[in-house]
Protein backbone atom coordinates (compact mmCIF):
# COMPACT_ATOMS: atom_id res chain seq x y z
CA UNK A 1 0.00 0.00 0.00
CA UNK A 2 1.40 3.41 -0.98
CA UNK A 3 1.96 6.03 1.72
CA UNK A 4 -0.62 8.80 1.54
CA UNK A 5 0.70 12.36 1.39
CA UNK A 6 -1.26 15.59 1.38
CA UNK A 7 -2.56 16.78 -1.96
CA UNK A 8 -2.32 20.38 -3.16
CA UNK A 9 -4.67 22.67 -1.17
CA UNK A 10 -5.36 19.96 1.44
CA UNK A 11 -5.36 21.32 4.99
CA UNK A 12 -2.93 19.60 7.40
CA UNK A 13 -3.24 19.87 11.18
CA UNK A 14 0.19 20.45 12.73
CA UNK A 15 -0.96 21.53 16.18
CA UNK A 16 1.01 20.09 19.10
CA UNK A 17 0.13 16.47 19.86
CA UNK A 18 0.01 17.00 23.62
CA UNK A 19 -0.96 13.81 25.47
CA UNK A 20 -1.13 11.92 22.14
CA UNK A 21 2.64 12.31 21.59
CA UNK A 22 3.34 8.97 23.33
CA UNK A 23 1.68 6.96 20.56
CA UNK A 24 2.62 9.23 17.66
CA UNK A 25 5.03 8.33 14.89
CA UNK A 26 7.08 10.36 12.46
CA UNK A 27 5.04 11.08 9.33
CA UNK A 28 5.88 12.50 5.93
CA UNK A 29 3.10 15.01 5.31
CA UNK A 30 4.06 16.28 1.85
CA UNK A 31 6.45 14.84 -0.73
CA UNK A 32 6.97 16.23 -4.21
CA UNK A 33 9.93 16.40 -6.58
CA UNK A 34 11.07 19.65 -4.94
CA UNK A 35 9.68 19.62 -1.38
CA UNK A 36 9.37 17.28 1.59
CA UNK A 37 7.59 18.17 4.83
CA UNK A 38 7.86 15.82 7.80
CA UNK A 39 6.42 15.78 11.32
CA UNK A 40 9.32 14.28 13.24
CA UNK A 41 8.35 12.78 16.61
CA UNK A 42 11.16 12.11 19.09
CA UNK A 43 10.70 10.65 22.58
CA UNK A 44 12.91 12.05 25.34
CA UNK A 45 16.47 10.75 25.02
CA UNK A 46 16.17 9.80 21.33
CA UNK A 47 19.11 10.96 19.19
CA UNK A 48 19.54 11.42 15.49
CA UNK A 49 23.23 11.15 14.67
CA UNK A 50 25.13 13.67 12.54
CA UNK A 51 23.91 13.66 8.98
CA UNK A 52 23.30 16.06 6.12
CA UNK A 53 20.77 16.58 3.37
CA UNK A 54 21.60 18.22 0.04
CA UNK A 55 18.78 20.80 0.16
CA UNK A 56 18.07 23.68 2.50
CA UNK A 57 16.01 22.78 5.56
CA UNK A 58 13.99 24.39 8.30
CA UNK A 59 13.19 22.75 11.61
CA UNK A 60 10.33 24.19 13.69
CA UNK A 61 9.79 22.87 17.20
CA UNK A 62 6.05 22.30 17.58
CA UNK A 63 6.39 21.05 21.16
CA UNK A 64 9.06 19.83 23.52
CA UNK A 65 12.75 20.60 23.81
CA UNK A 66 15.55 19.60 21.43
CA UNK A 67 19.33 19.96 21.65
CA UNK A 68 20.27 20.79 18.04
CA UNK A 69 23.82 20.75 16.69
CA UNK A 70 24.66 22.34 13.35
CA UNK A 71 28.30 22.40 12.32
CA UNK A 72 30.24 23.36 15.48
CA UNK A 73 27.34 25.24 17.09
CA UNK A 74 24.68 23.90 19.44
CA UNK A 75 21.36 25.47 20.35
CA UNK A 76 18.16 24.54 22.10
CA UNK A 77 14.91 24.39 20.16
CA UNK A 78 11.79 24.84 22.28
CA UNK A 79 8.15 25.30 21.29
CA UNK A 80 7.84 27.93 18.56
CA UNK A 81 11.57 28.14 17.76
CA UNK A 82 12.76 27.61 14.18
CA UNK A 83 16.21 27.01 12.69
CA UNK A 84 17.29 27.23 9.04
CA UNK A 85 20.24 25.35 7.55
CA UNK A 86 21.83 25.68 4.15
CA UNK A 87 22.14 22.50 2.13
CA UNK A 88 24.76 19.92 3.13
CA UNK A 89 25.33 21.33 6.66
CA UNK A 90 25.97 18.46 9.05
CA UNK A 91 23.55 18.42 11.96
CA UNK A 92 22.38 16.19 14.81
CA UNK A 93 19.64 16.37 17.40
CA UNK A 94 18.65 14.92 20.75
CA UNK A 95 15.26 15.13 22.41
CA UNK A 96 15.51 16.51 25.93
CA UNK A 97 11.73 16.04 26.31
CA UNK A 98 9.16 14.23 24.19
CA UNK A 99 9.07 16.48 21.12
CA UNK A 100 7.55 16.96 17.70
CA UNK A 101 9.16 19.00 14.94
CA UNK A 102 8.07 20.23 11.55
CA UNK A 103 10.94 19.61 9.12
CA UNK A 104 10.86 21.19 5.66
CA UNK A 105 13.41 20.09 3.06
CA UNK A 106 13.88 21.73 -0.33
CA UNK A 107 14.93 19.02 -2.76
CA UNK A 108 17.05 19.88 -5.73
CA UNK A 109 16.25 18.08 -8.94
CA UNK A 110 19.16 16.19 -10.49
CA UNK A 111 19.94 17.34 -13.98
């Protein structure tokens, strides 16, 4: 069965999950040739090791608290905070609390 993604002009609810965060899973909300939007759900203590993506990204903390490393810098993302990274910047994250994030990735078409 194919994974269902939002269609153009479809409304997506990205409000904080609150008490439902315990049973929530990471979900790709939108995926096109040039754009991917993901709700990333991380339980407290979960880490995503250093990695990079070729396109520019934004990460918006919808709820929780995340330790975010980009290059040599580290910051804390809390509810309502957003970070932007240029393409190919190595980054890692660790959930200090149960958290959900809205990740937007601009994908570059291969020519």
